[in-house]
Amino acid sequence: MPLESSLQPCSILLLAGGRGQRMGGEDKGLLQWRGQPLIAHLQRLTRPLTDDLIISCNRNHDRYAPYADQLVSDDSPDFPGPLAGIRAGLAAARHPHLLVLPCDVPALDVQLLNALRDTAQHNPLWPVMVRHGDFWEPLICIIPTYLQAEIEQAWHAGERSPRKLFLQLGGIGLECPADDPRLANLNTPQLLHQRSGVSE
């Protein structure tokens, strides 16, 4: 894509370290969707965009390793939430910006990711989050890695909400349509199965 050549390199973090409560405790990133694990769909999308692909996972490391350049894990054993995985990703990132994606949004496309990267390139000091309608998507974002120290400080002060923290850090939105199908979040067994039959 023409836009891609003008974009600065970024590290990419795929979040797959959750407890999977809505999936009955199963490791969500390894659940099958259209014949492949969810993590494989995100890896296929993001692999051409970076030389630093990071997966945050807290179990099944051997199964995630083939999909990533680096694996990171939470520094706490009790699944403290996505901000823990983001902290680990920021600490490991090799580029000045970290693009963060959850593993359960396999309908994302490269146009949306490049729009995020372009917005971040024009606003290099602040987090950029997808926003649709009245809703922020703080786990579909780009974070300048220089903010790592401030994020650590907020974490140790008890903050656990990525949305609240990124807004406090001056976060800006990339506006998407309120019903954008690319943002479909397949975070329950019902949604996973309902969407699995949709043609590519």
C-alpha atoms as a PDB file:
ATOM      1  CA  MET A   1       0.000   0.000   0.000  1.00  0.00           C
ATOM      2  CA  PRO A   2       1.333   3.482  -0.784  1.00  0.00           C
ATOM      3  CA  LEU A   3       0.655   4.714   2.753  1.00  0.00           C
ATOM      4  CA  GLU A   4       2.688   1.937   4.293  1.00  0.00           C
ATOM      5  CA  SER A   5       6.004   3.036   2.795  1.00  0.00           C
ATOM      6  CA  SER A   6       5.722   6.445   4.468  1.00  0.00           C
ATOM      7  CA  LEU A   7       5.021   5.053   7.934  1.00  0.00           C
ATOM      8  CA  GLN A   8       7.686   4.783  10.594  1.00  0.00           C
ATOM      9  CA  PRO A   9       8.461   1.316  12.021  1.00  0.00           C
ATOM     10  CA  CYS A  10       6.547   0.231  15.087  1.00  0.00           C
ATOM     11  CA  SER A  11       6.501  -2.737  17.410  1.00  0.00           C
ATOM     12  CA  ILE A  12       3.229  -4.689  17.528  1.00  0.00           C
ATOM     13  CA  LEU A  13       1.800  -6.353  20.629  1.00  0.00           C
ATOM     14  CA  LEU A  14      -0.943  -8.996  20.400  1.00  0.00           C
ATOM     15  CA  LEU A  15      -2.733  -9.449  23.721  1.00  0.00           C
ATOM     16  CA  ALA A  16      -3.421 -13.110  24.467  1.00  0.00           C
ATOM     17  CA  GLY A  17      -2.734 -13.234  28.180  1.00  0.00           C
ATOM     18  CA  GLY A  18      -6.225 -13.064  29.640  1.00  0.00           C
ATOM     19  CA  ARG A  19      -7.994 -15.522  31.865  1.00  0.00           C
ATOM     20  CA  GLY A  20     -10.609 -16.284  29.188  1.00  0.00           C
ATOM     21  CA  GLN A  21     -13.500 -16.079  31.656  1.00  0.00           C
ATOM     22  CA  ARG A  22     -16.104 -15.527  28.939  1.00  0.00           C
ATOM     23  CA  MET A  23     -14.684 -18.539  27.102  1.00  0.00           C
ATOM     24  CA  GLY A  24     -14.996 -20.867  30.069  1.00  0.00           C
ATOM     25  CA  GLY A  25     -11.370 -20.388  31.032  1.00  0.00           C
ATOM     26  CA  GLU A  26      -9.971 -21.504  27.682  1.00  0.00           C
ATOM     27  CA  ASP A  27      -6.954 -19.745  26.185  1.00  0.00           C
ATOM     28  CA  LYS A  28      -8.796 -17.440  23.814  1.00  0.00           C
ATOM     29  CA  GLY A  29      -5.986 -16.802  21.376  1.00  0.00           C
ATOM     30  CA  LEU A  30      -5.769 -20.526  20.591  1.00  0.00           C
ATOM     31  CA  LEU A  31      -9.483 -21.038  19.949  1.00  0.00           C
ATOM     32  CA  GLN A  32     -10.311 -22.007  16.388  1.00  0.00           C
ATOM     33  CA  TRP A  33     -12.015 -19.537  14.022  1.00  0.00           C
ATOM     34  CA  ARG A  34     -12.401 -20.382  10.352  1.00  0.00           C
ATOM     35  CA  GLY A  35      -9.987 -23.264  10.680  1.00  0.00           C
ATOM     36  CA  GLN A  36      -7.158 -21.490  12.491  1.00  0.00           C
ATOM     37  CA  PRO A  37      -6.440 -20.193  15.989  1.00  0.00           C
ATOM     38  CA  LEU A  38      -7.508 -16.596  16.545  1.00  0.00           C
ATOM     39  CA  ILE A  39      -3.871 -15.634  17.096  1.00  0.00           C
ATOM     40  CA  ALA A  40      -2.996 -16.906  13.603  1.00  0.00           C
ATOM     41  CA  HIS A  41      -5.429 -14.459  11.976  1.00  0.00           C
ATOM     42  CA  LEU A  42      -3.873 -11.500  13.798  1.00  0.00           C
ATOM     43  CA  GLN A  43      -0.365 -12.748  13.100  1.00  0.00           C
ATOM     44  CA  ARG A  44      -1.103 -13.006   9.385  1.00  0.00           C
ATOM     45  CA  LEU A  45      -2.460  -9.442   9.386  1.00  0.00           C
ATOM     46  CA  THR A  46       0.390  -7.878  11.341  1.00  0.00           C
ATOM     47  CA  ARG A  47       3.447  -9.884  10.284  1.00  0.00           C
ATOM     48  CA  PRO A  48       4.134  -7.760   7.161  1.00  0.00           C
ATOM     49  CA  LEU A  49       3.930  -4.534   9.198  1.00  0.00           C
ATOM     50  CA  THR A  50       6.735  -5.074  11.700  1.00  0.00           C
ATOM     51  CA  ASP A  51      10.040  -6.754  12.465  1.00  0.00           C
ATOM     52  CA  ASP A  52       9.100  -6.781  16.163  1.00  0.00           C
ATOM     53  CA  LEU A  53       5.948  -8.819  16.711  1.00  0.00           C
ATOM     54  CA  ILE A  54       5.293  -9.437  20.414  1.00  0.00           C
ATOM     55  CA  ILE A  55       2.662 -11.697  21.966  1.00  0.00           C
ATOM     56  CA  SER A  56       1.579 -11.272  25.576  1.00  0.00           C
ATOM     57  CA  CYS A  57       0.619 -14.698  26.905  1.00  0.00           C
ATOM     58  CA  ASN A  58       0.558 -16.302  30.336  1.00  0.00           C
ATOM     59  CA  ARG A  59       0.256 -19.964  29.323  1.00  0.00           C
ATOM     60  CA  ASN A  60       0.889 -22.220  26.321  1.00  0.00           C
ATOM     61  CA  HIS A  61       4.092 -20.369  25.499  1.00  0.00           C
ATOM     62  CA  ASP A  62       5.282 -23.154  23.226  1.00  0.00           C
ATOM     63  CA  ARG A  63       2.152 -22.831  21.085  1.00  0.00           C
ATOM     64  CA  TYR A  64       2.402 -19.047  20.797  1.00  0.00           C
ATOM     65  CA  ALA A  65       6.142 -18.902  20.114  1.00  0.00           C
ATOM     66  CA  PRO A  66       5.936 -19.676  16.357  1.00  0.00           C
ATOM     67  CA  TYR A  67       3.696 -16.638  15.844  1.00  0.00           C
ATOM     68  CA  ALA A  68       5.990 -14.023  17.430  1.00  0.00           C
ATOM     69  CA  ASP A  69       9.462 -12.520  17.555  1.00  0.00           C
ATOM     70  CA  GLN A  70       9.125 -12.128  21.319  1.00  0.00           C
ATOM     71  CA  LEU A  71       6.835 -13.491  24.024  1.00  0.00           C
ATOM     72  CA  VAL A  72       6.112 -11.514  27.185  1.00  0.00           C
ATOM     73  CA  SER A  73       4.125 -12.413  30.290  1.00  0.00           C
ATOM     74  CA  ASP A  74       2.546 -10.531  33.181  1.00  0.00           C
ATOM     75  CA  ASP A  75       4.735  -9.939  36.204  1.00  0.00           C
ATOM     76  CA  SER A  76       1.898 -11.212  38.422  1.00  0.00           C
ATOM     77  CA  PRO A  77       0.398 -14.719  38.359  1.00  0.00           C
ATOM     78  CA  ASP A  78      -3.213 -13.649  38.978  1.00  0.00           C
ATOM     79  CA  PHE A  79      -4.207 -12.351  35.508  1.00  0.00           C
ATOM     80  CA  PRO A  80      -4.319  -8.680  36.543  1.00  0.00           C
ATOM     81  CA  GLY A  81      -5.789  -7.456  33.239  1.00  0.00           C
ATOM     82  CA  PRO A  82      -4.722  -6.117  29.839  1.00  0.00           C
ATOM     83  CA  LEU A  83      -2.743  -3.191  31.215  1.00  0.00           C
ATOM     84  CA  ALA A  84      -0.291  -5.704  32.670  1.00  0.00           C
ATOM     85  CA  GLY A  85       0.304  -7.153  29.211  1.00  0.00           C
ATOM     86  CA  ILE A  86       0.697  -3.676  27.741  1.00  0.00           C
ATOM     87  CA  ARG A  87       3.300  -2.845  30.389  1.00  0.00           C
ATOM     88  CA  ALA A  88       5.262  -5.962  29.462  1.00  0.00           C
ATOM     89  CA  GLY A  89       4.993  -5.097  25.780  1.00  0.00           C
ATOM     90  CA  LEU A  90       6.241  -1.554  26.332  1.00  0.00           C
ATOM     91  CA  ALA A  91       9.239  -2.879  28.241  1.00  0.00           C
ATOM     92  CA  ALA A  92      10.129  -5.244  25.384  1.00  0.00           C
ATOM     93  CA  ALA A  93       9.329  -3.014  22.368  1.00  0.00           C
ATOM     94  CA  ARG A  94      12.230  -2.224  20.037  1.00  0.00           C
ATOM     95  CA  HIS A  95      10.616   0.764  18.298  1.00  0.00           C
ATOM     96  CA  PRO A  96       9.402   4.177  19.531  1.00  0.00           C
ATOM     97  CA  HIS A  97       5.730   3.223  19.107  1.00  0.00           C
ATOM     98  CA  LEU A  98       3.831   0.101  20.163  1.00  0.00           C
ATOM     99  CA  LEU A  99       0.688  -0.907  18.258  1.00  0.00           C
ATOM    100  CA  VAL A 100      -1.560  -2.925  20.590  1.00  0.00           C
ATOM    101  CA  LEU A 101      -4.286  -5.333  19.452  1.00  0.00           C
ATOM    102  CA  PRO A 102      -6.382  -7.910  21.324  1.00  0.00           C
ATOM    103  CA  CYS A 103      -6.397 -11.429  19.907  1.00  0.00           C
ATOM    104  CA  ASP A 104     -10.201 -11.575  19.506  1.00  0.00           C
ATOM    105  CA  VAL A 105     -10.710  -8.991  16.723  1.00  0.00           C
ATOM    106  CA  PRO A 106      -9.820 -11.044  13.634  1.00  0.00           C
ATOM    107  CA  ALA A 107     -11.842  -8.832  11.258  1.00  0.00           C
ATOM    108  CA  LEU A 108      -9.398  -5.935  11.545  1.00  0.00           C
ATOM    109  CA  ASP A 109      -7.750  -4.930   8.288  1.00  0.00           C
ATOM    110  CA  VAL A 110      -4.510  -3.287   7.238  1.00  0.00           C
ATOM    111  CA  GLN A 111      -6.260  -0.059   6.253  1.00  0.00           C
ATOM    112  CA  LEU A 112      -7.390   0.498   9.837  1.00  0.00           C
ATOM    113  CA  LEU A 113      -3.964  -0.359  11.241  1.00  0.00           C
ATOM    114  CA  ASN A 114      -2.240   1.987   8.818  1.00  0.00           C
ATOM    115  CA  ALA A 115      -4.710   4.742   9.688  1.00  0.00           C
ATOM    116  CA  LEU A 116      -3.786   4.247  13.351  1.00  0.00           C
ATOM    117  CA  ARG A 117      -0.096   4.385  12.511  1.00  0.00           C
ATOM    118  CA  ASP A 118      -0.533   7.481  10.368  1.00  0.00           C
ATOM    119  CA  THR A 119      -2.465   9.234  13.151  1.00  0.00           C
ATOM    120  CA  ALA A 120       0.251   8.319  15.632  1.00  0.00           C
ATOM    121  CA  GLN A 121       2.938   9.591  13.295  1.00  0.00           C
ATOM    122  CA  HIS A 122       1.200  12.978  13.192  1.00  0.00           C
ATOM    123  CA  ASN A 123       0.610  12.938  16.966  1.00  0.00           C
ATOM    124  CA  PRO A 124       3.795  11.276  18.223  1.00  0.00           C
ATOM    125  CA  LEU A 125       3.523  12.266  21.890  1.00  0.00           C
ATOM    126  CA  TRP A 126       0.125  10.821  22.788  1.00  0.00           C
ATOM    127  CA  PRO A 127      -1.657   7.470  22.771  1.00  0.00           C
ATOM    128  CA  VAL A 128      -4.018   6.974  19.830  1.00  0.00           C
ATOM    129  CA  MET A 129      -7.104   4.816  20.374  1.00  0.00           C
ATOM    130  CA  VAL A 130      -9.863   3.703  18.051  1.00  0.00           C
ATOM    131  CA  ARG A 131     -13.145   5.410  18.842  1.00  0.00           C
ATOM    132  CA  HIS A 132     -16.532   4.500  17.363  1.00  0.00           C
ATOM    133  CA  GLY A 133     -19.680   6.316  18.337  1.00  0.00           C
ATOM    134  CA  ASP A 134     -19.428   7.014  22.060  1.00  0.00           C
ATOM    135  CA  PHE A 135     -17.056   4.123  22.694  1.00  0.00           C
ATOM    136  CA  TRP A 136     -13.293   4.061  23.013  1.00  0.00           C
ATOM    137  CA  GLU A 137     -11.363   0.902  22.139  1.00  0.00           C
ATOM    138  CA  PRO A 138      -8.284   1.286  24.357  1.00  0.00           C
ATOM    139  CA  LEU A 139      -6.951  -2.147  23.399  1.00  0.00           C
ATOM    140  CA  ILE A 140      -6.801  -1.127  19.724  1.00  0.00           C
ATOM    141  CA  CYS A 141      -4.238   1.608  20.099  1.00  0.00           C
ATOM    142  CA  ILE A 142      -0.744   2.909  19.539  1.00  0.00           C
ATOM    143  CA  ILE A 143       1.351   4.020  22.496  1.00  0.00           C
ATOM    144  CA  PRO A 144       4.581   6.022  22.359  1.00  0.00           C
ATOM    145  CA  THR A 145       7.057   3.911  24.275  1.00  0.00           C
ATOM    146  CA  TYR A 146       8.496   6.983  26.006  1.00  0.00           C
ATOM    147  CA  LEU A 147       5.322   6.920  28.142  1.00  0.00           C
ATOM    148  CA  GLN A 148       6.438   3.665  29.759  1.00  0.00           C
ATOM    149  CA  ALA A 149       7.626   5.370  32.953  1.00  0.00           C
ATOM    150  CA  GLU A 150       4.349   7.271  33.402  1.00  0.00           C
ATOM    151  CA  ILE A 151       2.333   4.108  32.780  1.00  0.00           C
ATOM    152  CA  GLU A 152       4.444   2.257  35.355  1.00  0.00           C
ATOM    153  CA  GLN A 153       3.882   5.039  37.862  1.00  0.00           C
ATOM    154  CA  ALA A 154       0.117   4.907  37.331  1.00  0.00           C
ATOM    155  CA  TRP A 155       0.128   1.107  37.632  1.00  0.00           C
ATOM    156  CA  HIS A 156       1.946   1.195  40.946  1.00  0.00           C
ATOM    157  CA  ALA A 157      -0.536   3.838  42.122  1.00  0.00           C
ATOM    158  CA  GLY A 158      -3.326   1.322  41.484  1.00  0.00           C
ATOM    159  CA  GLU A 159      -4.598   2.250  38.009  1.00  0.00           C
ATOM    160  CA  ARG A 160      -5.830  -0.761  36.015  1.00  0.00           C
ATOM    161  CA  SER A 161      -8.006   0.850  33.305  1.00  0.00           C
ATOM    162  CA  PRO A 162      -6.210   1.350  29.966  1.00  0.00           C
ATOM    163  CA  ARG A 163      -8.935   3.720  28.737  1.00  0.00           C
ATOM    164  CA  LYS A 164      -8.779   5.959  31.782  1.00  0.00           C
ATOM    165  CA  LEU A 165      -4.990   5.994  31.834  1.00  0.00           C
ATOM    166  CA  PHE A 166      -4.543   6.688  28.117  1.00  0.00           C
ATOM    167  CA  LEU A 167      -7.045   9.543  28.268  1.00  0.00           C
ATOM    168  CA  GLN A 168      -5.177  10.978  31.236  1.00  0.00           C
ATOM    169  CA  LEU A 169      -2.012  10.828  29.126  1.00  0.00           C
ATOM    170  CA  GLY A 170      -3.653  12.928  26.390  1.00  0.00           C
ATOM    171  CA  GLY A 171      -5.064  10.114  24.288  1.00  0.00           C
ATOM    172  CA  ILE A 172      -6.708  11.003  21.012  1.00  0.00           C
ATOM    173  CA  GLY A 173      -9.206   9.074  18.939  1.00  0.00           C
ATOM    174  CA  LEU A 174      -9.169   7.592  15.467  1.00  0.00           C
ATOM    175  CA  GLU A 175     -12.830   7.827  14.546  1.00  0.00           C
ATOM    176  CA  CYS A 176     -14.478   4.758  13.004  1.00  0.00           C
ATOM    177  CA  PRO A 177     -18.146   4.192  12.127  1.00  0.00           C
ATOM    178  CA  ALA A 178     -20.308   3.243  15.101  1.00  0.00           C
ATOM    179  CA  ASP A 179     -21.138  -0.133  13.538  1.00  0.00           C
ATOM    180  CA  ASP A 180     -17.759  -0.809  11.927  1.00  0.00           C
ATOM    181  CA  PRO A 181     -17.685  -4.595  11.335  1.00  0.00           C
ATOM    182  CA  ARG A 182     -13.887  -4.621  11.547  1.00  0.00           C
ATOM    183  CA  LEU A 183     -14.189  -4.016  15.284  1.00  0.00           C
ATOM    184  CA  ALA A 184     -16.295  -7.123  15.966  1.00  0.00           C
ATOM    185  CA  ASN A 185     -15.078  -8.520  19.272  1.00  0.00           C
ATOM    186  CA  LEU A 186     -15.392 -12.323  19.344  1.00  0.00           C
ATOM    187  CA  ASN A 187     -15.111 -12.662  23.105  1.00  0.00           C
ATOM    188  CA  THR A 188     -17.809 -15.262  23.809  1.00  0.00           C
ATOM    189  CA  PRO A 189     -18.353 -18.769  22.384  1.00  0.00           C
ATOM    190  CA  GLN A 190     -21.627 -17.589  20.837  1.00  0.00           C
ATOM    191  CA  LEU A 191     -19.994 -14.719  18.938  1.00  0.00           C
ATOM    192  CA  LEU A 192     -17.117 -16.925  17.849  1.00  0.00           C
ATOM    193  CA  HIS A 193     -19.486 -19.496  16.352  1.00  0.00           C
ATOM    194  CA  GLN A 194     -21.917 -16.963  14.883  1.00  0.00           C
ATOM    195  CA  ARG A 195     -19.145 -15.230  12.983  1.00  0.00           C
ATOM    196  CA  SER A 196     -17.298 -18.347  11.927  1.00  0.00           C
ATOM    197  CA  GLY A 197     -19.619 -19.012   9.016  1.00  0.00           C
ATOM    198  CA  VAL A 198     -19.314 -15.566   7.443  1.00  0.00           C
ATOM    199  CA  SER A 199     -17.641 -15.752   4.060  1.00  0.00           C
ATOM    200  CA  GLU A 200     -14.225 -14.170   3.689  1.00  0.00           C
END
